[in-house]
Protein backbone atom coordinates (compact mmCIF):
# COMPACT_ATOMS: atom_id res chain seq x y z
CA UNK A 1 10.65 0.10 -5.38
CA UNK A 2 7.63 2.42 -5.58
CA UNK A 3 6.36 3.52 -8.98
CA UNK A 4 3.62 5.89 -10.08
CA UNK A 5 1.92 5.05 -13.38
CA UNK A 6 0.13 7.25 -15.88
CA UNK A 7 -2.38 6.28 -18.55
CA UNK A 8 -2.19 7.04 -22.27
CA UNK A 9 -3.62 10.52 -21.57
CA UNK A 10 -0.96 11.42 -18.97
CA UNK A 11 -3.22 11.02 -15.92
CA UNK A 12 -1.73 9.48 -12.78
CA UNK A 13 -3.94 6.44 -12.19
CA UNK A 14 -2.07 3.64 -10.38
CA UNK A 15 1.03 2.93 -8.35
CA UNK A 16 3.11 0.08 -6.96
CA UNK A 17 3.77 0.28 -3.23
CA UNK A 18 6.98 -0.72 -1.48
CA UNK A 19 5.61 -4.22 -0.87
CA UNK A 20 4.87 -4.85 -4.56
CA UNK A 21 1.13 -4.29 -4.16
CA UNK A 22 -0.50 -2.64 -7.19
CA UNK A 23 -2.92 0.13 -6.16
CA UNK A 24 -5.42 2.40 -7.85
CA UNK A 25 -4.63 6.09 -7.30
CA UNK A 26 -7.38 6.26 -4.66
CA UNK A 27 -5.67 3.46 -2.67
CA UNK A 28 -7.55 0.30 -3.69
CA UNK A 29 -5.29 -2.77 -3.71
CA UNK A 30 -6.07 -4.54 -7.02
CA UNK A 31 -3.03 -6.71 -7.70
CA UNK A 32 0.62 -7.39 -7.12
CA UNK A 33 3.93 -7.41 -8.90
CA UNK A 34 6.22 -10.45 -8.86
CA UNK A 35 9.45 -9.63 -10.68
CA UNK A 36 8.21 -8.00 -13.90
CA UNK A 37 4.94 -9.95 -13.90
CA UNK A 38 1.69 -8.24 -12.91
CA UNK A 39 -1.14 -10.27 -11.34
CA UNK A 40 -4.61 -9.51 -10.03
CA UNK A 41 -5.38 -10.36 -6.40
CA UNK A 42 -6.57 -13.85 -7.40
CA UNK A 43 -3.21 -14.66 -9.04
CA UNK A 44 -4.35 -14.25 -12.67
CA UNK A 45 -1.56 -12.88 -14.87
CA UNK A 46 -2.72 -9.57 -16.38
CA UNK A 47 0.43 -8.07 -17.90
CA UNK A 48 4.00 -7.11 -17.17
CA UNK A 49 6.04 -4.07 -16.27
CA UNK A 50 9.15 -3.65 -18.36
CA UNK A 51 11.40 -0.61 -18.80
CA UNK A 52 8.84 1.44 -16.84
CA UNK A 53 5.93 0.43 -19.10
CA UNK A 54 2.86 -1.61 -18.18
CA UNK A 55 2.24 -3.87 -21.16
CA UNK A 56 -0.72 -6.09 -22.04
CA UNK A 57 -0.41 -9.66 -23.32
CA UNK A 58 0.07 -8.40 -26.88
CA UNK A 59 3.08 -6.26 -25.85
CA UNK A 60 1.21 -2.95 -26.27
CA UNK A 61 1.68 -0.13 -23.76
CA UNK A 62 -1.11 0.36 -21.23
CA UNK A 63 0.61 2.79 -18.86
CA UNK A 64 3.98 4.33 -18.10
CA UNK A 65 6.13 5.57 -15.24
CA UNK A 66 8.22 8.73 -15.36
CA UNK A 67 11.32 6.59 -15.91
CA UNK A 68 9.83 4.62 -18.85
CA UNK A 69 12.18 4.21 -21.79
CA UNK A 70 11.43 3.09 -25.33
CA UNK A 71 7.81 2.44 -26.26
CA UNK A 72 5.30 4.80 -27.83
CA UNK A 73 5.41 8.57 -27.47
CA UNK A 74 4.48 9.52 -23.91
CA UNK A 75 1.82 12.19 -23.47
CA UNK A 76 2.41 15.22 -21.28
CA UNK A 77 1.72 14.22 -17.69
CA UNK A 78 -1.02 16.08 -15.84
CA UNK A 79 -0.52 17.30 -12.29
CA UNK A 80 -1.58 14.34 -10.12
CA UNK A 81 -4.09 14.64 -7.30
CA UNK A 82 -3.17 13.38 -3.85
CA UNK A 83 -3.03 9.60 -3.53
CA UNK A 84 -5.65 7.95 -1.37
CA UNK A 85 -4.57 6.04 1.69
CA UNK A 86 -3.61 2.52 0.61
CA UNK A 87 -6.08 -0.14 1.67
CA UNK A 88 -4.97 -3.32 3.34
CA UNK A 89 -4.27 -5.73 0.48
CA UNK A 90 -6.12 -9.06 0.49
CA UNK A 91 -4.23 -12.32 0.65
CA UNK A 92 -2.50 -12.87 -2.66
CA UNK A 93 -3.66 -15.71 -4.84
CA UNK A 94 -1.20 -18.27 -6.12
CA UNK A 95 0.27 -16.74 -9.32
CA UNK A 96 -0.81 -18.48 -12.51
CA UNK A 97 1.69 -19.54 -15.12
CA UNK A 98 2.80 -16.50 -17.03
CA UNK A 99 2.49 -16.51 -20.80
CA UNK A 100 5.54 -16.14 -22.98
CA UNK A 101 6.44 -12.46 -23.11
CA UNK A 102 5.58 -10.82 -26.43
CA UNK A 103 7.94 -8.39 -28.08
CA UNK A 104 7.22 -4.85 -26.87
CA UNK A 105 5.50 -2.71 -29.48
CA UNK A 106 5.51 1.03 -30.11
CA UNK A 107 1.69 1.04 -29.95
CA UNK A 108 -0.72 2.01 -27.23
CA UNK A 109 -3.12 -0.73 -26.19
CA UNK A 110 -6.86 -0.28 -26.59
CA UNK A 111 -7.09 -1.32 -22.92
CA UNK A 112 -6.97 1.01 -19.94
CA UNK A 113 -4.97 -0.18 -16.92
CA UNK A 114 -8.15 -1.09 -15.00
CA UNK A 115 -9.31 -3.21 -17.97
CA UNK A 116 -6.45 -5.62 -17.32
CA UNK A 117 -7.89 -6.44 -13.91
CA UNK A 118 -11.42 -7.28 -15.12
């Protein structure tokens, strides 16, 4: 399962590789996906991916894939640049307990995707 994700402005910014590693568009390994749960490299839960949407802990949309369904209105996608070569991901931290999933909203989050990993 490889997914490309776009931000609220339609820019291609991140992707999930075949191994579940979450990358920036330029190839930096910044996290990993376990089921629907999204973690940073240290194992801190940062959000979830559901129905093609990256959602923050409040259930607001942070990014979307081309197959995303439901959620807020998607912007027109811009033509993506070439992806950078993926870096070797660091050892994954032990995943923290995930919070209870909030109900998905029809709102865009005030966070950018990178904000989740800070």
